[in-house]
Amino acid sequence: MIGTLYLVATPIGNLEDITHRALRILNEVDLIACEDTRHTRKLLTHYGINTATISYHEHNEKERASKLVEQLLGGSNVAIVSDAGTPGISDPGFRVVKLAIENSIPIVPVPGPVALISALIVSGFPTDEFFFGGFVPARSGQRRTRLTELRALETTLIFYEAPHRIAAALHDALEILGEREAVVARELTKLHETVVRGRLSKLAEQFSSGEAVRGEIVLLIDRNVIEPPSRQSNELAKLVAESQAEGLDERTALKRAAKKLGLSRDEAYRQLTRIKRN
């Protein structure tokens, strides 16, 4: 008999957020493959589950997936869990699932928490359609390129982000996507859960205050709503065009127009970019 591969969602914070079915499966399988065995052991101990565990993370995923499939083909039932949430969602799981499919091994999802959905439903943004981009690229250049690729999407954007990079990500999002409503959801379901809402400019300023940010973060950005350009933006665009007609390059023309209108260079750039995009 071939064993069954179970993909079991576990709490993203609050240990009560686990289904009766998930607990039964974790108790009945022969082996639990964990992103971090020490982390998962806390959950298992809390519920009195003594099933054997083995590590299965991004650094050993390729090698360990083959061994897990061998055990499944030998008749063992195996559960995959991540440190928090649903395995395979920005966490290990893809390789062993793909290999299990290739070997005709039964795969059973055991649904439960996932941080991006929890953040989405409390965001106040449209939930009928959304784009999940996983973790935002760590390097600024790559992050800005990625945001540029997504700029035209008319849907809610959702990303995971590290606390020490959230301020930079918000600043880049403001410059590339333009002013939009956004939400920073931190430590969902945990003791210090916070959901901060506001425009990108407000959030970028707030998270750049120097105060240390901790915990797991979900960043949500509202869909692109095209707003008519303001009177000031129209005047800015007109001055830039006139200076360019005189032979100035766009950067110099923008600098001259910004000075005339009493705008900072960054604000003038954002206004001109918004007009071009719209």
C-alpha atoms as a PDB file:
ATOM      1  CA  MET A   1       0.000   0.000   0.000  1.00  0.00           C
ATOM      2  CA  ILE A   2       1.216   3.506  -0.858  1.00  0.00           C
ATOM      3  CA  GLY A   3       1.035   6.070   1.940  1.00  0.00           C
ATOM      4  CA  THR A   4      -0.724   9.432   1.819  1.00  0.00           C
ATOM      5  CA  LEU A   5       0.885  12.866   1.874  1.00  0.00           C
ATOM      6  CA  TYR A   6      -1.031  15.353   4.040  1.00  0.00           C
ATOM      7  CA  LEU A   7      -0.472  19.112   3.765  1.00  0.00           C
ATOM      8  CA  VAL A   8      -1.505  20.359   7.179  1.00  0.00           C
ATOM      9  CA  ALA A   9      -2.057  24.040   7.991  1.00  0.00           C
ATOM     10  CA  THR A  10      -0.983  25.082  11.496  1.00  0.00           C
ATOM     11  CA  PRO A  11      -1.599  28.266  13.534  1.00  0.00           C
ATOM     12  CA  ILE A  12       0.086  31.496  12.460  1.00  0.00           C
ATOM     13  CA  GLY A  13       0.241  32.574  16.089  1.00  0.00           C
ATOM     14  CA  ASN A  14      -2.617  31.604  18.370  1.00  0.00           C
ATOM     15  CA  LEU A  15      -2.349  27.883  19.142  1.00  0.00           C
ATOM     16  CA  GLU A  16      -6.143  27.600  19.296  1.00  0.00           C
ATOM     17  CA  ASP A  17      -6.349  28.231  15.553  1.00  0.00           C
ATOM     18  CA  ILE A  18      -6.035  24.594  14.511  1.00  0.00           C
ATOM     19  CA  THR A  19      -8.776  22.240  13.375  1.00  0.00           C
ATOM     20  CA  HIS A  20      -9.816  18.998  15.040  1.00  0.00           C
ATOM     21  CA  ARG A  21      -9.027  17.258  11.769  1.00  0.00           C
ATOM     22  CA  ALA A  22      -5.485  18.659  11.664  1.00  0.00           C
ATOM     23  CA  LEU A  23      -4.833  17.420  15.197  1.00  0.00           C
ATOM     24  CA  ARG A  24      -6.164  13.969  14.335  1.00  0.00           C
ATOM     25  CA  ILE A  25      -4.002  13.722  11.198  1.00  0.00           C
ATOM     26  CA  LEU A  26      -0.869  14.873  13.036  1.00  0.00           C
ATOM     27  CA  ASN A  27      -1.529  12.235  15.681  1.00  0.00           C
ATOM     28  CA  GLU A  28      -2.199   9.422  13.189  1.00  0.00           C
ATOM     29  CA  VAL A  29       0.536   9.848  10.560  1.00  0.00           C
ATOM     30  CA  ASP A  30       3.833   7.986  10.793  1.00  0.00           C
ATOM     31  CA  LEU A  31       5.987  11.092  10.297  1.00  0.00           C
ATOM     32  CA  ILE A  32       5.678  14.871  10.381  1.00  0.00           C
ATOM     33  CA  ALA A  33       8.058  16.843   8.133  1.00  0.00           C
ATOM     34  CA  CYS A  34       8.622  20.247   9.742  1.00  0.00           C
ATOM     35  CA  GLU A  35      10.219  23.476   8.634  1.00  0.00           C
ATOM     36  CA  ASP A  36      11.716  23.667  12.137  1.00  0.00           C
ATOM     37  CA  THR A  37      11.270  20.585  14.344  1.00  0.00           C
ATOM     38  CA  ARG A  38      11.820  22.598  17.548  1.00  0.00           C
ATOM     39  CA  HIS A  39       9.111  25.077  16.612  1.00  0.00           C
ATOM     40  CA  THR A  40       6.595  22.387  15.639  1.00  0.00           C
ATOM     41  CA  ARG A  41       7.389  20.359  18.749  1.00  0.00           C
ATOM     42  CA  LYS A  42       5.947  23.181  20.889  1.00  0.00           C
ATOM     43  CA  LEU A  43       2.618  22.814  19.065  1.00  0.00           C
ATOM     44  CA  LEU A  44       2.673  19.025  19.265  1.00  0.00           C
ATOM     45  CA  THR A  45       3.550  19.052  22.953  1.00  0.00           C
ATOM     46  CA  HIS A  46       0.742  21.523  23.648  1.00  0.00           C
ATOM     47  CA  TYR A  47      -1.752  19.021  22.226  1.00  0.00           C
ATOM     48  CA  GLY A  48      -0.056  15.884  23.534  1.00  0.00           C
ATOM     49  CA  ILE A  49       1.023  14.564  20.124  1.00  0.00           C
ATOM     50  CA  ASN A  50       4.098  12.316  20.092  1.00  0.00           C
ATOM     51  CA  THR A  51       4.473  11.613  16.358  1.00  0.00           C
ATOM     52  CA  ALA A  52       8.049  11.452  15.072  1.00  0.00           C
ATOM     53  CA  THR A  53       9.319  14.575  13.271  1.00  0.00           C
ATOM     54  CA  ILE A  54      11.954  15.301  10.657  1.00  0.00           C
ATOM     55  CA  SER A  55      13.275  18.607   9.289  1.00  0.00           C
ATOM     56  CA  TYR A  56      12.105  19.744   5.863  1.00  0.00           C
ATOM     57  CA  HIS A  57      13.172  23.291   5.006  1.00  0.00           C
ATOM     58  CA  GLU A  58      14.472  25.390   2.101  1.00  0.00           C
ATOM     59  CA  HIS A  59      18.076  24.256   2.591  1.00  0.00           C
ATOM     60  CA  ASN A  60      17.407  20.503   2.463  1.00  0.00           C
ATOM     61  CA  GLU A  61      14.111  20.465   0.562  1.00  0.00           C
ATOM     62  CA  LYS A  62      15.423  18.922  -2.648  1.00  0.00           C
ATOM     63  CA  GLU A  63      17.236  16.023  -0.960  1.00  0.00           C
ATOM     64  CA  ARG A  64      14.637  15.454   1.759  1.00  0.00           C
ATOM     65  CA  ALA A  65      11.712  15.427  -0.713  1.00  0.00           C
ATOM     66  CA  SER A  66      13.133  12.311  -2.399  1.00  0.00           C
ATOM     67  CA  LYS A  67      13.518  10.514   0.936  1.00  0.00           C
ATOM     68  CA  LEU A  68       9.988  11.409   1.988  1.00  0.00           C
ATOM     69  CA  VAL A  69       8.603  10.054  -1.279  1.00  0.00           C
ATOM     70  CA  GLU A  70      10.524   6.817  -0.705  1.00  0.00           C
ATOM     71  CA  GLN A  71       8.819   6.469   2.688  1.00  0.00           C
ATOM     72  CA  LEU A  72       5.427   7.247   1.168  1.00  0.00           C
ATOM     73  CA  LEU A  73       5.971   4.609  -1.529  1.00  0.00           C
ATOM     74  CA  GLY A  74       6.868   2.212   1.260  1.00  0.00           C
ATOM     75  CA  GLY A  75       3.480   2.712   2.907  1.00  0.00           C
ATOM     76  CA  SER A  76       4.164   5.457   5.464  1.00  0.00           C
ATOM     77  CA  ASN A  77       1.732   8.341   5.875  1.00  0.00           C
ATOM     78  CA  VAL A  78       3.511  11.710   6.048  1.00  0.00           C
ATOM     79  CA  ALA A  79       2.306  15.172   7.073  1.00  0.00           C
ATOM     80  CA  ILE A  80       4.015  18.360   5.900  1.00  0.00           C
ATOM     81  CA  VAL A  81       3.784  21.425   8.136  1.00  0.00           C
ATOM     82  CA  SER A  82       5.471  24.826   8.058  1.00  0.00           C
ATOM     83  CA  ASP A  83       6.371  26.947  11.064  1.00  0.00           C
ATOM     84  CA  ALA A  84       3.137  28.868  10.652  1.00  0.00           C
ATOM     85  CA  GLY A  85       0.189  28.735   8.289  1.00  0.00           C
ATOM     86  CA  THR A  86      -0.244  26.644   5.169  1.00  0.00           C
ATOM     87  CA  PRO A  87       2.729  24.703   3.777  1.00  0.00           C
ATOM     88  CA  GLY A  88       3.723  25.709   0.259  1.00  0.00           C
ATOM     89  CA  ILE A  89       2.592  29.325   0.654  1.00  0.00           C
ATOM     90  CA  SER A  90       5.955  31.143   0.764  1.00  0.00           C
ATOM     91  CA  ASP A  91       7.170  28.077   2.662  1.00  0.00           C
ATOM     92  CA  PRO A  92       8.632  24.678   1.674  1.00  0.00           C
ATOM     93  CA  GLY A  93       6.245  22.102   0.210  1.00  0.00           C
ATOM     94  CA  PHE A  94       6.238  22.523  -3.553  1.00  0.00           C
ATOM     95  CA  ARG A  95       8.992  20.016  -4.352  1.00  0.00           C
ATOM     96  CA  VAL A  96       7.612  17.122  -2.345  1.00  0.00           C
ATOM     97  CA  VAL A  97       4.111  17.717  -3.742  1.00  0.00           C
ATOM     98  CA  LYS A  98       5.420  17.743  -7.311  1.00  0.00           C
ATOM     99  CA  LEU A  99       7.425  14.572  -6.696  1.00  0.00           C
ATOM    100  CA  ALA A 100       4.445  12.890  -5.045  1.00  0.00           C
ATOM    101  CA  ILE A 101       2.286  13.688  -8.083  1.00  0.00           C
ATOM    102  CA  GLU A 102       4.906  12.180 -10.387  1.00  0.00           C
ATOM    103  CA  ASN A 103       4.799   8.989  -8.306  1.00  0.00           C
ATOM    104  CA  SER A 104       0.978   8.821  -8.135  1.00  0.00           C
ATOM    105  CA  ILE A 105       0.981   9.288  -4.365  1.00  0.00           C
ATOM    106  CA  PRO A 106      -2.324  10.508  -2.867  1.00  0.00           C
ATOM    107  CA  ILE A 107      -2.128  14.105  -1.618  1.00  0.00           C
ATOM    108  CA  VAL A 108      -4.659  15.487   0.863  1.00  0.00           C
ATOM    109  CA  PRO A 109      -4.913  19.160   1.900  1.00  0.00           C
ATOM    110  CA  VAL A 110      -5.912  19.833   5.509  1.00  0.00           C
ATOM    111  CA  PRO A 111      -6.878  23.528   5.323  1.00  0.00           C
ATOM    112  CA  GLY A 112      -6.463  26.149   7.993  1.00  0.00           C
ATOM    113  CA  PRO A 113      -4.794  29.505   8.662  1.00  0.00           C
ATOM    114  CA  VAL A 114      -2.875  31.496   6.067  1.00  0.00           C
ATOM    115  CA  ALA A 115      -1.580  34.967   6.950  1.00  0.00           C
ATOM    116  CA  LEU A 116      -2.352  36.664   3.632  1.00  0.00           C
ATOM    117  CA  ILE A 117      -6.069  35.748   3.810  1.00  0.00           C
ATOM    118  CA  SER A 118      -6.377  36.809   7.456  1.00  0.00           C
ATOM    119  CA  ALA A 119      -4.830  40.170   6.556  1.00  0.00           C
ATOM    120  CA  LEU A 120      -6.994  40.594   3.461  1.00  0.00           C
ATOM    121  CA  ILE A 121     -10.327  40.111   5.216  1.00  0.00           C
ATOM    122  CA  VAL A 122      -9.555  42.765   7.845  1.00  0.00           C
ATOM    123  CA  SER A 123      -7.967  45.231   5.426  1.00  0.00           C
ATOM    124  CA  GLY A 124     -11.182  46.774   4.157  1.00  0.00           C
ATOM    125  CA  PHE A 125      -9.944  46.375   0.578  1.00  0.00           C
ATOM    126  CA  PRO A 126     -11.879  44.526  -2.138  1.00  0.00           C
ATOM    127  CA  THR A 127     -11.586  40.761  -1.688  1.00  0.00           C
ATOM    128  CA  ASP A 128     -13.136  39.640  -4.967  1.00  0.00           C
ATOM    129  CA  GLU A 129      -9.758  39.669  -6.689  1.00  0.00           C
ATOM    130  CA  PHE A 130      -6.223  40.012  -5.363  1.00  0.00           C
ATOM    131  CA  PHE A 131      -2.602  39.387  -6.311  1.00  0.00           C
ATOM    132  CA  PHE A 132      -0.231  37.715  -3.847  1.00  0.00           C
ATOM    133  CA  GLY A 133       3.402  38.472  -4.567  1.00  0.00           C
ATOM    134  CA  GLY A 134       5.044  36.512  -1.755  1.00  0.00           C
ATOM    135  CA  PHE A 135       8.041  38.226  -0.180  1.00  0.00           C
ATOM    136  CA  VAL A 136       9.030  41.553  -1.714  1.00  0.00           C
ATOM    137  CA  PRO A 137      12.601  41.428  -3.143  1.00  0.00           C
ATOM    138  CA  ALA A 138      15.113  42.469  -0.487  1.00  0.00           C
ATOM    139  CA  ARG A 139      17.258  44.677  -2.747  1.00  0.00           C
ATOM    140  CA  SER A 140      15.819  48.077  -3.570  1.00  0.00           C
ATOM    141  CA  GLY A 141      16.503  47.866  -7.315  1.00  0.00           C
ATOM    142  CA  GLN A 142      14.836  44.473  -7.649  1.00  0.00           C
ATOM    143  CA  ARG A 143      11.968  45.582  -5.428  1.00  0.00           C
ATOM    144  CA  ARG A 144      11.312  48.677  -7.538  1.00  0.00           C
ATOM    145  CA  THR A 145      11.455  46.616 -10.734  1.00  0.00           C
ATOM    146  CA  ARG A 146       8.916  44.168  -9.291  1.00  0.00           C
ATOM    147  CA  LEU A 147       6.569  46.954  -8.219  1.00  0.00           C
ATOM    148  CA  THR A 148       6.836  48.517 -11.658  1.00  0.00           C
ATOM    149  CA  GLU A 149       5.754  45.201 -13.208  1.00  0.00           C
ATOM    150  CA  LEU A 150       2.668  45.146 -10.966  1.00  0.00           C
ATOM    151  CA  ARG A 151       1.760  48.827 -11.249  1.00  0.00           C
ATOM    152  CA  ALA A 152      -0.944  48.370 -13.880  1.00  0.00           C
ATOM    153  CA  LEU A 153      -2.810  45.603 -12.034  1.00  0.00           C
ATOM    154  CA  GLU A 154      -6.317  46.697 -11.062  1.00  0.00           C
ATOM    155  CA  THR A 155      -6.475  44.495  -7.984  1.00  0.00           C
ATOM    156  CA  THR A 156      -5.492  44.398  -4.311  1.00  0.00           C
ATOM    157  CA  LEU A 157      -1.760  43.718  -3.926  1.00  0.00           C
ATOM    158  CA  ILE A 158      -0.529  41.556  -1.033  1.00  0.00           C
ATOM    159  CA  PHE A 159       3.080  40.924   0.025  1.00  0.00           C
ATOM    160  CA  TYR A 160       4.995  39.465   2.934  1.00  0.00           C
ATOM    161  CA  GLU A 161       7.771  41.692   4.265  1.00  0.00           C
ATOM    162  CA  ALA A 162      10.486  41.595   6.909  1.00  0.00           C
ATOM    163  CA  PRO A 163      10.165  44.168   9.731  1.00  0.00           C
ATOM    164  CA  HIS A 164      13.577  45.760   9.072  1.00  0.00           C
ATOM    165  CA  ARG A 165      12.624  46.413   5.417  1.00  0.00           C
ATOM    166  CA  ILE A 166       9.021  47.597   5.754  1.00  0.00           C
ATOM    167  CA  ALA A 167       9.905  51.318   5.746  1.00  0.00           C
ATOM    168  CA  ALA A 168      11.972  51.008   2.547  1.00  0.00           C
ATOM    169  CA  ALA A 169       9.258  48.912   0.906  1.00  0.00           C
ATOM    170  CA  LEU A 170       6.608  51.532   1.706  1.00  0.00           C
ATOM    171  CA  HIS A 171       8.763  54.344   0.300  1.00  0.00           C
ATOM    172  CA  ASP A 172       9.406  52.401  -2.920  1.00  0.00           C
ATOM    173  CA  ALA A 173       5.728  51.512  -3.241  1.00  0.00           C
ATOM    174  CA  LEU A 174       4.774  55.176  -2.871  1.00  0.00           C
ATOM    175  CA  GLU A 175       7.225  56.269  -5.541  1.00  0.00           C
ATOM    176  CA  ILE A 176       6.474  53.482  -8.013  1.00  0.00           C
ATOM    177  CA  LEU A 177       2.734  52.907  -7.478  1.00  0.00           C
ATOM    178  CA  GLY A 178       1.720  56.415  -6.512  1.00  0.00           C
ATOM    179  CA  GLU A 179      -0.402  57.439  -3.541  1.00  0.00           C
ATOM    180  CA  ARG A 180      -2.746  54.614  -2.557  1.00  0.00           C
ATOM    181  CA  GLU A 181      -4.454  53.306   0.536  1.00  0.00           C
ATOM    182  CA  ALA A 182      -2.434  50.580   2.263  1.00  0.00           C
ATOM    183  CA  VAL A 183      -2.442  48.331   5.319  1.00  0.00           C
ATOM    184  CA  VAL A 184       0.426  46.977   7.396  1.00  0.00           C
ATOM    185  CA  ALA A 185      -0.798  43.936   9.350  1.00  0.00           C
ATOM    186  CA  ARG A 186       1.672  42.723  11.977  1.00  0.00           C
ATOM    187  CA  GLU A 187       1.728  39.704  14.296  1.00  0.00           C
ATOM    188  CA  LEU A 188      -1.742  38.522  13.255  1.00  0.00           C
ATOM    189  CA  THR A 189      -3.539  36.363  15.868  1.00  0.00           C
ATOM    190  CA  LYS A 190      -0.728  36.991  18.364  1.00  0.00           C
ATOM    191  CA  LEU A 191      -0.659  39.018  21.575  1.00  0.00           C
ATOM    192  CA  HIS A 192       0.691  42.173  19.898  1.00  0.00           C
ATOM    193  CA  GLU A 193      -1.456  42.009  16.757  1.00  0.00           C
ATOM    194  CA  THR A 194      -1.698  45.398  15.031  1.00  0.00           C
ATOM    195  CA  VAL A 195      -3.375  46.497  11.812  1.00  0.00           C
ATOM    196  CA  VAL A 196      -2.295  49.963  10.666  1.00  0.00           C
ATOM    197  CA  ARG A 197      -4.266  51.610   7.867  1.00  0.00           C
ATOM    198  CA  GLY A 198      -3.560  54.757   5.871  1.00  0.00           C
ATOM    199  CA  ARG A 199      -2.142  56.193   2.687  1.00  0.00           C
ATOM    200  CA  LEU A 200       1.268  54.987   1.565  1.00  0.00           C
ATOM    201  CA  SER A 201       2.795  58.394   2.325  1.00  0.00           C
ATOM    202  CA  LYS A 202       1.468  58.312   5.903  1.00  0.00           C
ATOM    203  CA  LEU A 203       2.597  54.741   6.521  1.00  0.00           C
ATOM    204  CA  ALA A 204       6.024  55.360   4.969  1.00  0.00           C
ATOM    205  CA  GLU A 205       6.521  58.276   7.348  1.00  0.00           C
ATOM    206  CA  GLN A 206       5.184  56.365  10.347  1.00  0.00           C
ATOM    207  CA  PHE A 207       7.400  53.320   9.844  1.00  0.00           C
ATOM    208  CA  SER A 208      10.451  55.512   9.193  1.00  0.00           C
ATOM    209  CA  SER A 209      10.229  57.099  12.636  1.00  0.00           C
ATOM    210  CA  GLY A 210      13.140  55.039  13.924  1.00  0.00           C
ATOM    211  CA  GLU A 211      11.055  52.925  16.301  1.00  0.00           C
ATOM    212  CA  ALA A 212      11.992  49.250  16.053  1.00  0.00           C
ATOM    213  CA  VAL A 213       9.472  47.114  14.183  1.00  0.00           C
ATOM    214  CA  ARG A 214       9.148  43.448  15.087  1.00  0.00           C
ATOM    215  CA  GLY A 215       7.153  40.438  13.994  1.00  0.00           C
ATOM    216  CA  GLU A 216       5.713  38.923  10.849  1.00  0.00           C
ATOM    217  CA  ILE A 217       4.276  41.521   8.455  1.00  0.00           C
ATOM    218  CA  VAL A 218       1.706  41.429   5.659  1.00  0.00           C
ATOM    219  CA  LEU A 219       1.642  44.514   3.412  1.00  0.00           C
ATOM    220  CA  LEU A 220      -1.556  45.189   1.454  1.00  0.00           C
ATOM    221  CA  ILE A 221      -1.951  47.932  -1.150  1.00  0.00           C
ATOM    222  CA  ASP A 222      -5.311  48.945  -2.573  1.00  0.00           C
ATOM    223  CA  ARG A 223      -5.991  48.640  -6.275  1.00  0.00           C
ATOM    224  CA  ASN A 224      -4.977  51.494  -8.530  1.00  0.00           C
ATOM    225  CA  VAL A 225      -7.682  54.133  -8.535  1.00  0.00           C
ATOM    226  CA  ILE A 226      -7.080  56.712 -11.241  1.00  0.00           C
ATOM    227  CA  GLU A 227      -7.676  60.165  -9.807  1.00  0.00           C
ATOM    228  CA  PRO A 228      -7.991  63.277 -11.933  1.00  0.00           C
ATOM    229  CA  PRO A 229      -4.804  65.340 -11.776  1.00  0.00           C
ATOM    230  CA  SER A 230      -4.904  68.310  -9.434  1.00  0.00           C
ATOM    231  CA  ARG A 231      -4.625  71.884 -10.611  1.00  0.00           C
ATOM    232  CA  GLN A 232      -1.076  71.977  -9.259  1.00  0.00           C
ATOM    233  CA  SER A 233      -0.145  68.764 -11.098  1.00  0.00           C
ATOM    234  CA  ASN A 234      -1.446  70.179 -14.367  1.00  0.00           C
ATOM    235  CA  GLU A 235       0.555  73.352 -13.840  1.00  0.00           C
ATOM    236  CA  LEU A 236       3.648  71.290 -13.043  1.00  0.00           C
ATOM    237  CA  ALA A 237       3.273  69.231 -16.220  1.00  0.00           C
ATOM    238  CA  LYS A 238       2.790  72.414 -18.258  1.00  0.00           C
ATOM    239  CA  LEU A 239       5.948  74.050 -16.850  1.00  0.00           C
ATOM    240  CA  VAL A 240       7.997  70.892 -17.450  1.00  0.00           C
ATOM    241  CA  ALA A 241       6.781  70.690 -21.054  1.00  0.00           C
ATOM    242  CA  GLU A 242       7.615  74.340 -21.669  1.00  0.00           C
ATOM    243  CA  SER A 243      11.150  73.919 -20.274  1.00  0.00           C
ATOM    244  CA  GLN A 244      11.702  70.791 -22.363  1.00  0.00           C
ATOM    245  CA  ALA A 245      10.577  72.725 -25.448  1.00  0.00           C
ATOM    246  CA  GLU A 246      13.387  75.162 -24.657  1.00  0.00           C
ATOM    247  CA  GLY A 247      15.857  72.287 -24.815  1.00  0.00           C
ATOM    248  CA  LEU A 248      16.157  71.248 -21.152  1.00  0.00           C
ATOM    249  CA  ASP A 249      16.183  67.580 -20.237  1.00  0.00           C
ATOM    250  CA  GLU A 250      13.258  66.295 -18.147  1.00  0.00           C
ATOM    251  CA  ARG A 251      15.200  66.141 -14.880  1.00  0.00           C
ATOM    252  CA  THR A 252      16.355  69.748 -15.103  1.00  0.00           C
ATOM    253  CA  ALA A 253      12.928  70.888 -16.301  1.00  0.00           C
ATOM    254  CA  LEU A 254      11.271  69.132 -13.350  1.00  0.00           C
ATOM    255  CA  LYS A 255      13.692  70.716 -10.901  1.00  0.00           C
ATOM    256  CA  ARG A 256      12.961  74.191 -12.292  1.00  0.00           C
ATOM    257  CA  ALA A 257       9.187  73.644 -12.205  1.00  0.00           C
ATOM    258  CA  ALA A 258       9.286  72.260  -8.659  1.00  0.00           C
ATOM    259  CA  LYS A 259      11.206  75.296  -7.432  1.00  0.00           C
ATOM    260  CA  LYS A 260       8.728  77.657  -9.080  1.00  0.00           C
ATOM    261  CA  LEU A 261       5.750  75.895  -7.470  1.00  0.00           C
ATOM    262  CA  GLY A 262       7.408  75.476  -4.088  1.00  0.00           C
ATOM    263  CA  LEU A 263       7.426  71.659  -4.258  1.00  0.00           C
ATOM    264  CA  SER A 264      10.061  69.246  -3.085  1.00  0.00           C
ATOM    265  CA  ARG A 265      11.810  67.299  -5.830  1.00  0.00           C
ATOM    266  CA  ASP A 266      10.281  64.023  -4.635  1.00  0.00           C
ATOM    267  CA  GLU A 267       6.743  65.398  -4.549  1.00  0.00           C
ATOM    268  CA  ALA A 268       7.144  66.960  -8.003  1.00  0.00           C
ATOM    269  CA  TYR A 269       8.425  63.649  -9.341  1.00  0.00           C
ATOM    270  CA  ARG A 270       5.448  61.770  -7.832  1.00  0.00           C
ATOM    271  CA  GLN A 271       2.953  64.211  -9.325  1.00  0.00           C
ATOM    272  CA  LEU A 272       4.519  64.054 -12.767  1.00  0.00           C
ATOM    273  CA  THR A 273       4.719  60.258 -12.625  1.00  0.00           C
ATOM    274  CA  ARG A 274       1.052  60.060 -11.634  1.00  0.00           C
ATOM    275  CA  ILE A 275       0.026  62.232 -14.589  1.00  0.00           C
ATOM    276  CA  LYS A 276       2.059  60.078 -16.998  1.00  0.00           C
ATOM    277  CA  ARG A 277       0.596  56.872 -15.587  1.00  0.00           C
ATOM    278  CA  ASN A 278      -2.984  58.112 -15.705  1.00  0.00           C
END
